[in-house]
Amino acid sequence: MNYLRFALAALFCSAAAAFAQTATLSADSNRLAATVGQVVLTATVSYEGEPGALGWAIELPANWSLVSVVGPDAPSVAPSAGTTGTLEFAYTSVPANRAAFSMVVSYPAGAASANATPTVLVRSAGKLTTLKPTAVTFQAGS
């Protein structure tokens, strides 16, 4: 009987590990200049295998806009330059194990302290998981 419990526990632990996912959003700088400026945000998500679907939504502060999207794993579905508000990205072909891309965003002169808030959706083995990475916090002042 103990063997059966051990086998079931091992099965559930390995299944949980197989679907382990982590995501981060980082910035090349958290300080905002008093003049118009730009920052580079890097979105990274790691997972086991190759999920069936992967998407990001990044809520930008008011009056911020997308300049460009770059990187070897740049999503095939991305907003156009100049988009404001929530930026939505999706992969039509998900890279195995990890996906990372960067985006340049611009902010207006006199921008106040603000946050860029990310959400990641990962569909793997028929299960949809929502990840809430830590928001990137920006501080006004050089």
N, C-alpha and C. Protein backbone atom coordinates (compact mmCIF):
# COMPACT_ATOMS: atom_id res chain seq x y z
N MET A 1 0.82 -1.19 0.00
CA MET A 1 0.00 0.00 0.00
C MET A 1 0.87 1.26 0.00
N ASN A 2 1.97 1.27 0.78
CA ASN A 2 2.85 2.43 0.80
C ASN A 2 3.50 2.65 -0.56
N TYR A 3 3.79 1.54 -1.27
CA TYR A 3 4.37 1.66 -2.60
C TYR A 3 3.41 2.38 -3.53
N LEU A 4 2.12 2.06 -3.45
CA LEU A 4 1.12 2.70 -4.28
C LEU A 4 1.05 4.20 -3.99
N ARG A 5 1.06 4.57 -2.73
CA ARG A 5 1.04 6.00 -2.36
C ARG A 5 2.27 6.72 -2.90
N PHE A 6 3.44 6.05 -2.77
CA PHE A 6 4.68 6.63 -3.25
C PHE A 6 4.61 6.82 -4.77
N ALA A 7 4.12 5.80 -5.48
CA ALA A 7 4.03 5.86 -6.94
C ALA A 7 3.08 6.98 -7.37
N LEU A 8 1.93 7.12 -6.70
CA LEU A 8 0.99 8.18 -7.03
C LEU A 8 1.58 9.56 -6.74
N ALA A 9 2.27 9.68 -5.60
CA ALA A 9 2.90 10.96 -5.26
C ALA A 9 3.96 11.32 -6.29
N ALA A 10 4.75 10.35 -6.72
CA ALA A 10 5.79 10.60 -7.72
C ALA A 10 5.15 11.01 -9.05
N LEU A 11 4.05 10.37 -9.41
CA LEU A 11 3.36 10.70 -10.65
C LEU A 11 2.84 12.14 -10.62
N PHE A 12 2.20 12.53 -9.52
CA PHE A 12 1.68 13.89 -9.43
C PHE A 12 2.80 14.92 -9.39
N CYS A 13 3.89 14.63 -8.69
CA CYS A 13 5.01 15.57 -8.62
C CYS A 13 5.65 15.73 -9.99
N SER A 14 5.83 14.63 -10.74
CA SER A 14 6.45 14.75 -12.05
C SER A 14 5.52 15.46 -13.02
N ALA A 15 4.21 15.25 -12.90
CA ALA A 15 3.27 15.97 -13.77
C ALA A 15 3.30 17.45 -13.47
N ALA A 16 3.38 17.81 -12.20
CA ALA A 16 3.45 19.23 -11.84
C ALA A 16 4.74 19.85 -12.35
N ALA A 17 5.85 19.11 -12.25
CA ALA A 17 7.13 19.63 -12.72
C ALA A 17 7.12 19.79 -14.24
N ALA A 18 6.42 18.89 -14.93
CA ALA A 18 6.37 18.97 -16.39
C ALA A 18 5.67 20.24 -16.87
N PHE A 19 4.82 20.81 -16.05
CA PHE A 19 4.09 21.99 -16.46
C PHE A 19 4.58 23.24 -15.73
N ALA A 20 5.77 23.17 -15.12
CA ALA A 20 6.31 24.33 -14.41
C ALA A 20 6.64 25.43 -15.41
N GLN A 21 6.20 26.65 -15.11
CA GLN A 21 6.43 27.77 -15.99
C GLN A 21 6.85 28.97 -15.16
N THR A 22 7.76 29.76 -15.69
CA THR A 22 8.15 31.01 -15.03
C THR A 22 8.19 32.11 -16.09
N ALA A 23 7.87 33.31 -15.68
CA ALA A 23 7.89 34.44 -16.60
C ALA A 23 8.39 35.69 -15.89
N THR A 24 9.14 36.52 -16.62
CA THR A 24 9.62 37.78 -16.08
C THR A 24 9.53 38.87 -17.14
N LEU A 25 9.35 40.08 -16.66
CA LEU A 25 9.45 41.27 -17.50
C LEU A 25 10.48 42.17 -16.82
N SER A 26 11.49 42.59 -17.57
CA SER A 26 12.54 43.44 -17.00
C SER A 26 12.76 44.64 -17.91
N ALA A 27 13.45 45.64 -17.38
CA ALA A 27 13.73 46.87 -18.13
C ALA A 27 15.22 47.17 -18.10
N ASP A 28 15.72 47.80 -19.16
CA ASP A 28 17.14 48.17 -19.18
C ASP A 28 17.42 49.33 -18.23
N SER A 29 16.38 50.08 -17.85
CA SER A 29 16.52 51.16 -16.88
C SER A 29 15.17 51.41 -16.22
N ASN A 30 15.19 51.69 -14.94
CA ASN A 30 13.96 51.99 -14.21
C ASN A 30 13.81 53.47 -13.93
N ARG A 31 14.77 54.27 -14.40
CA ARG A 31 14.74 55.72 -14.20
C ARG A 31 14.26 56.42 -15.45
N LEU A 32 13.34 57.33 -15.30
CA LEU A 32 12.80 58.08 -16.42
C LEU A 32 13.43 59.46 -16.47
N ALA A 33 13.94 59.84 -17.63
CA ALA A 33 14.51 61.17 -17.80
C ALA A 33 13.39 62.20 -17.83
N ALA A 34 13.71 63.45 -17.58
CA ALA A 34 12.71 64.52 -17.59
C ALA A 34 12.22 64.80 -19.01
N THR A 35 13.06 64.47 -20.01
CA THR A 35 12.69 64.68 -21.40
C THR A 35 12.06 63.41 -21.97
N VAL A 36 11.59 63.49 -23.22
CA VAL A 36 11.08 62.30 -23.90
C VAL A 36 12.16 61.24 -23.89
N GLY A 37 11.78 59.99 -23.69
CA GLY A 37 12.79 58.94 -23.63
C GLY A 37 12.25 57.59 -24.06
N GLN A 38 13.15 56.60 -24.03
CA GLN A 38 12.79 55.23 -24.37
C GLN A 38 13.41 54.27 -23.37
N VAL A 39 12.74 53.13 -23.18
CA VAL A 39 13.29 52.04 -22.38
C VAL A 39 13.08 50.75 -23.17
N VAL A 40 13.93 49.77 -22.88
CA VAL A 40 13.80 48.45 -23.49
C VAL A 40 13.24 47.50 -22.45
N LEU A 41 12.10 46.89 -22.77
CA LEU A 41 11.51 45.88 -21.90
C LEU A 41 11.82 44.52 -22.50
N THR A 42 12.22 43.56 -21.66
CA THR A 42 12.49 42.19 -22.11
C THR A 42 11.54 41.24 -21.43
N ALA A 43 10.81 40.49 -22.25
CA ALA A 43 9.82 39.52 -21.78
C ALA A 43 10.40 38.12 -21.97
N THR A 44 10.46 37.34 -20.89
CA THR A 44 11.02 36.00 -20.94
C THR A 44 10.09 35.03 -20.25
N VAL A 45 9.83 33.90 -20.88
CA VAL A 45 9.04 32.85 -20.25
C VAL A 45 9.73 31.51 -20.51
N SER A 46 9.81 30.68 -19.46
CA SER A 46 10.41 29.36 -19.55
C SER A 46 9.37 28.32 -19.19
N TYR A 47 9.45 27.15 -19.83
CA TYR A 47 8.46 26.10 -19.62
C TYR A 47 9.08 24.79 -20.08
N GLU A 48 8.44 23.70 -19.76
CA GLU A 48 8.89 22.39 -20.20
C GLU A 48 8.28 22.10 -21.57
N GLY A 49 9.09 21.60 -22.48
CA GLY A 49 8.57 21.18 -23.78
C GLY A 49 8.17 22.34 -24.66
N GLU A 50 7.10 22.13 -25.41
CA GLU A 50 6.61 23.13 -26.33
C GLU A 50 5.10 23.29 -26.16
N PRO A 51 4.66 24.36 -25.49
CA PRO A 51 3.23 24.55 -25.29
C PRO A 51 2.49 24.71 -26.62
N GLY A 52 1.19 24.49 -26.58
CA GLY A 52 0.37 24.66 -27.77
C GLY A 52 0.09 26.11 -28.07
N ALA A 53 0.12 26.97 -27.05
CA ALA A 53 -0.16 28.39 -27.25
C ALA A 53 0.57 29.21 -26.19
N LEU A 54 0.97 30.41 -26.57
CA LEU A 54 1.69 31.30 -25.65
C LEU A 54 1.36 32.73 -26.04
N GLY A 55 1.01 33.55 -25.04
CA GLY A 55 0.70 34.95 -25.30
C GLY A 55 1.07 35.85 -24.14
N TRP A 56 1.37 37.08 -24.45
CA TRP A 56 1.68 38.11 -23.45
C TRP A 56 0.71 39.28 -23.62
N ALA A 57 0.36 39.92 -22.51
CA ALA A 57 -0.34 41.20 -22.50
C ALA A 57 0.46 42.10 -21.55
N ILE A 58 0.90 43.23 -22.03
CA ILE A 58 1.69 44.15 -21.19
C ILE A 58 0.98 45.49 -21.20
N GLU A 59 0.50 45.86 -20.04
CA GLU A 59 -0.20 47.14 -19.89
C GLU A 59 0.82 48.24 -19.65
N LEU A 60 0.91 49.15 -20.61
CA LEU A 60 1.84 50.27 -20.50
C LEU A 60 1.21 51.41 -19.70
N PRO A 61 2.04 52.25 -19.09
CA PRO A 61 1.51 53.46 -18.44
C PRO A 61 0.85 54.38 -19.48
N ALA A 62 0.01 55.26 -19.02
CA ALA A 62 -0.67 56.22 -19.89
C ALA A 62 0.36 57.04 -20.68
N ASN A 63 0.06 57.27 -21.95
CA ASN A 63 0.87 58.08 -22.86
C ASN A 63 2.21 57.45 -23.26
N TRP A 64 2.41 56.17 -22.95
CA TRP A 64 3.57 55.44 -23.42
C TRP A 64 3.16 54.73 -24.71
N SER A 65 4.14 54.45 -25.60
CA SER A 65 3.81 53.76 -26.84
C SER A 65 4.92 52.81 -27.29
N LEU A 66 4.52 51.83 -28.07
CA LEU A 66 5.46 50.85 -28.61
C LEU A 66 6.23 51.47 -29.77
N VAL A 67 7.56 51.25 -29.77
CA VAL A 67 8.41 51.72 -30.86
C VAL A 67 8.74 50.54 -31.78
N SER A 68 9.21 49.42 -31.18
CA SER A 68 9.59 48.26 -32.00
C SER A 68 9.65 47.01 -31.13
N VAL A 69 9.65 45.85 -31.81
CA VAL A 69 9.78 44.55 -31.16
C VAL A 69 10.95 43.83 -31.83
N VAL A 70 11.85 43.27 -31.03
CA VAL A 70 13.04 42.61 -31.56
C VAL A 70 13.33 41.33 -30.78
N GLY A 71 14.20 40.51 -31.34
CA GLY A 71 14.66 39.32 -30.65
C GLY A 71 14.50 38.07 -31.49
N PRO A 72 15.30 37.06 -31.20
CA PRO A 72 15.23 35.82 -31.97
C PRO A 72 13.90 35.08 -31.78
N ASP A 73 13.24 35.29 -30.66
CA ASP A 73 11.96 34.63 -30.38
C ASP A 73 10.82 35.64 -30.41
N ALA A 74 10.94 36.68 -31.22
CA ALA A 74 9.87 37.69 -31.28
C ALA A 74 8.57 37.02 -31.72
N PRO A 75 7.46 37.32 -31.06
CA PRO A 75 6.18 36.71 -31.42
C PRO A 75 5.74 37.10 -32.83
N SER A 76 5.05 36.20 -33.50
CA SER A 76 4.59 36.47 -34.86
C SER A 76 3.40 37.41 -34.87
N VAL A 77 2.67 37.48 -33.76
CA VAL A 77 1.55 38.41 -33.65
C VAL A 77 1.96 39.49 -32.64
N ALA A 78 2.08 40.72 -33.11
CA ALA A 78 2.53 41.82 -32.25
C ALA A 78 1.81 43.10 -32.68
N PRO A 79 1.65 44.03 -31.75
CA PRO A 79 1.01 45.30 -32.11
C PRO A 79 1.92 46.13 -33.01
N SER A 80 1.33 47.07 -33.69
CA SER A 80 2.07 47.98 -34.57
C SER A 80 2.78 49.05 -33.75
N ALA A 81 3.84 49.60 -34.33
CA ALA A 81 4.53 50.72 -33.70
C ALA A 81 3.51 51.84 -33.48
N GLY A 82 3.62 52.50 -32.33
CA GLY A 82 2.70 53.58 -32.00
C GLY A 82 1.53 53.14 -31.13
N THR A 83 1.37 51.82 -30.95
CA THR A 83 0.28 51.32 -30.11
C THR A 83 0.48 51.74 -28.66
N THR A 84 -0.60 52.15 -28.02
CA THR A 84 -0.58 52.55 -26.61
C THR A 84 -1.49 51.61 -25.81
N GLY A 85 -1.50 51.78 -24.50
CA GLY A 85 -2.39 50.96 -23.66
C GLY A 85 -1.82 49.58 -23.42
N THR A 86 -2.62 48.55 -23.69
CA THR A 86 -2.18 47.17 -23.47
C THR A 86 -1.64 46.59 -24.77
N LEU A 87 -0.38 46.15 -24.71
CA LEU A 87 0.27 45.51 -25.87
C LEU A 87 0.01 44.01 -25.78
N GLU A 88 -0.51 43.42 -26.85
CA GLU A 88 -0.81 41.99 -26.86
C GLU A 88 0.05 41.29 -27.90
N PHE A 89 0.70 40.20 -27.46
CA PHE A 89 1.59 39.42 -28.30
C PHE A 89 1.17 37.96 -28.26
N ALA A 90 1.35 37.25 -29.38
CA ALA A 90 1.02 35.82 -29.42
C ALA A 90 1.97 35.11 -30.39
N TYR A 91 2.21 33.86 -30.10
CA TYR A 91 3.04 33.01 -30.94
C TYR A 91 2.15 32.07 -31.75
N THR A 92 2.40 32.01 -33.07
CA THR A 92 1.70 31.01 -33.88
C THR A 92 2.51 29.72 -33.90
N SER A 93 3.81 29.82 -33.64
CA SER A 93 4.69 28.68 -33.49
C SER A 93 5.51 28.92 -32.22
N VAL A 94 5.25 28.14 -31.19
CA VAL A 94 5.88 28.38 -29.88
C VAL A 94 7.26 27.71 -29.84
N PRO A 95 8.31 28.47 -29.47
CA PRO A 95 9.64 27.87 -29.35
C PRO A 95 9.67 26.84 -28.21
N ALA A 96 10.51 25.85 -28.34
CA ALA A 96 10.65 24.84 -27.29
C ALA A 96 11.36 25.42 -26.07
N ASN A 97 10.87 25.12 -24.89
CA ASN A 97 11.48 25.39 -23.58
C ASN A 97 11.52 26.85 -23.11
N ARG A 98 11.70 27.80 -24.02
CA ARG A 98 11.87 29.19 -23.58
C ARG A 98 11.59 30.13 -24.75
N ALA A 99 11.00 31.26 -24.44
CA ALA A 99 10.79 32.31 -25.44
C ALA A 99 11.13 33.65 -24.80
N ALA A 100 11.89 34.45 -25.52
CA ALA A 100 12.27 35.78 -25.02
C ALA A 100 12.28 36.77 -26.18
N PHE A 101 11.81 37.96 -25.91
CA PHE A 101 11.86 39.02 -26.90
C PHE A 101 11.94 40.35 -26.16
N SER A 102 12.34 41.37 -26.89
CA SER A 102 12.43 42.70 -26.31
C SER A 102 11.59 43.68 -27.12
N MET A 103 11.16 44.72 -26.46
CA MET A 103 10.42 45.77 -27.13
C MET A 103 10.94 47.12 -26.63
N VAL A 104 11.01 48.05 -27.55
CA VAL A 104 11.39 49.41 -27.19
C VAL A 104 10.08 50.17 -27.04
N VAL A 105 9.94 50.86 -25.91
CA VAL A 105 8.75 51.69 -25.69
C VAL A 105 9.21 53.11 -25.38
N SER A 106 8.41 54.08 -25.78
CA SER A 106 8.75 55.48 -25.52
C SER A 106 7.82 56.04 -24.47
N TYR A 107 8.33 57.02 -23.75
CA TYR A 107 7.53 57.72 -22.74
C TYR A 107 7.64 59.22 -22.96
N PRO A 108 6.63 59.96 -22.52
CA PRO A 108 6.60 61.40 -22.77
C PRO A 108 7.50 62.17 -21.80
N ALA A 109 7.80 63.40 -22.16
CA ALA A 109 8.55 64.29 -21.26
C ALA A 109 7.76 64.47 -19.97
N GLY A 110 8.47 64.53 -18.87
CA GLY A 110 7.82 64.73 -17.58
C GLY A 110 7.03 63.53 -17.07
N ALA A 111 7.34 62.34 -17.60
CA ALA A 111 6.61 61.13 -17.17
C ALA A 111 6.78 60.92 -15.66
N ALA A 112 5.67 60.61 -15.03
CA ALA A 112 5.67 60.35 -13.59
C ALA A 112 6.02 58.89 -13.33
N SER A 113 6.29 58.57 -12.09
CA SER A 113 6.53 57.18 -11.71
C SER A 113 5.34 56.33 -12.17
N ALA A 114 5.64 55.12 -12.68
CA ALA A 114 4.58 54.30 -13.27
C ALA A 114 5.00 52.84 -13.28
N ASN A 115 4.05 51.97 -13.67
CA ASN A 115 4.31 50.53 -13.78
C ASN A 115 3.94 50.02 -15.16
N ALA A 116 4.68 49.02 -15.63
CA ALA A 116 4.30 48.23 -16.81
C ALA A 116 3.90 46.87 -16.26
N THR A 117 2.65 46.48 -16.46
CA THR A 117 2.11 45.29 -15.82
C THR A 117 1.89 44.16 -16.83
N PRO A 118 2.61 43.02 -16.64
CA PRO A 118 2.49 41.91 -17.59
C PRO A 118 1.56 40.79 -17.12
N THR A 119 0.99 40.09 -18.11
CA THR A 119 0.25 38.85 -17.89
C THR A 119 0.66 37.90 -19.01
N VAL A 120 0.86 36.63 -18.66
CA VAL A 120 1.26 35.63 -19.65
C VAL A 120 0.26 34.48 -19.62
N LEU A 121 -0.15 34.03 -20.80
CA LEU A 121 -1.04 32.87 -20.91
C LEU A 121 -0.27 31.75 -21.60
N VAL A 122 -0.26 30.56 -20.97
CA VAL A 122 0.42 29.39 -21.52
C VAL A 122 -0.58 28.24 -21.57
N ARG A 123 -0.78 27.67 -22.75
CA ARG A 123 -1.63 26.49 -22.88
C ARG A 123 -0.72 25.31 -23.17
N SER A 124 -0.75 24.32 -22.26
CA SER A 124 0.07 23.14 -22.40
C SER A 124 -0.73 21.93 -21.94
N ALA A 125 -0.69 20.87 -22.72
CA ALA A 125 -1.41 19.63 -22.42
C ALA A 125 -2.89 19.91 -22.12
N GLY A 126 -3.48 20.83 -22.87
CA GLY A 126 -4.90 21.14 -22.72
C GLY A 126 -5.25 21.99 -21.52
N LYS A 127 -4.24 22.45 -20.78
CA LYS A 127 -4.49 23.25 -19.59
C LYS A 127 -3.97 24.67 -19.81
N LEU A 128 -4.82 25.67 -19.51
CA LEU A 128 -4.44 27.07 -19.64
C LEU A 128 -3.96 27.59 -18.29
N THR A 129 -2.76 28.16 -18.28
CA THR A 129 -2.19 28.72 -17.06
C THR A 129 -1.97 30.21 -17.26
N THR A 130 -2.39 31.02 -16.29
CA THR A 130 -2.15 32.46 -16.32
C THR A 130 -1.03 32.77 -15.35
N LEU A 131 0.03 33.39 -15.86
CA LEU A 131 1.16 33.81 -15.03
C LEU A 131 1.10 35.32 -14.86
N LYS A 132 1.40 35.78 -13.66
CA LYS A 132 1.40 37.22 -13.36
C LYS A 132 2.80 37.63 -12.89
N PRO A 133 3.73 37.85 -13.83
CA PRO A 133 5.06 38.29 -13.42
C PRO A 133 4.98 39.64 -12.69
N THR A 134 5.98 39.93 -11.92
CA THR A 134 6.07 41.20 -11.21
C THR A 134 6.09 42.36 -12.19
N ALA A 135 5.32 43.38 -11.90
CA ALA A 135 5.30 44.59 -12.73
C ALA A 135 6.66 45.29 -12.66
N VAL A 136 7.02 45.95 -13.75
CA VAL A 136 8.23 46.76 -13.76
C VAL A 136 7.85 48.15 -13.29
N THR A 137 8.56 48.64 -12.29
CA THR A 137 8.28 49.96 -11.71
C THR A 137 9.31 50.96 -12.22
N PHE A 138 8.82 52.09 -12.69
CA PHE A 138 9.68 53.17 -13.19
C PHE A 138 9.57 54.36 -12.25
N GLN A 139 10.70 55.02 -12.01
CA GLN A 139 10.74 56.19 -11.14
C GLN A 139 11.11 57.42 -11.96
N ALA A 140 10.40 58.50 -11.75
CA ALA A 140 10.71 59.76 -12.43
C ALA A 140 12.03 60.33 -11.90
N GLY A 141 12.76 60.96 -12.77
CA GLY A 141 14.03 61.57 -12.37
C GLY A 141 15.21 60.79 -12.92
N SER A 142 16.28 61.51 -13.23
CA SER A 142 17.45 60.87 -13.85
C SER A 142 18.19 59.98 -12.92
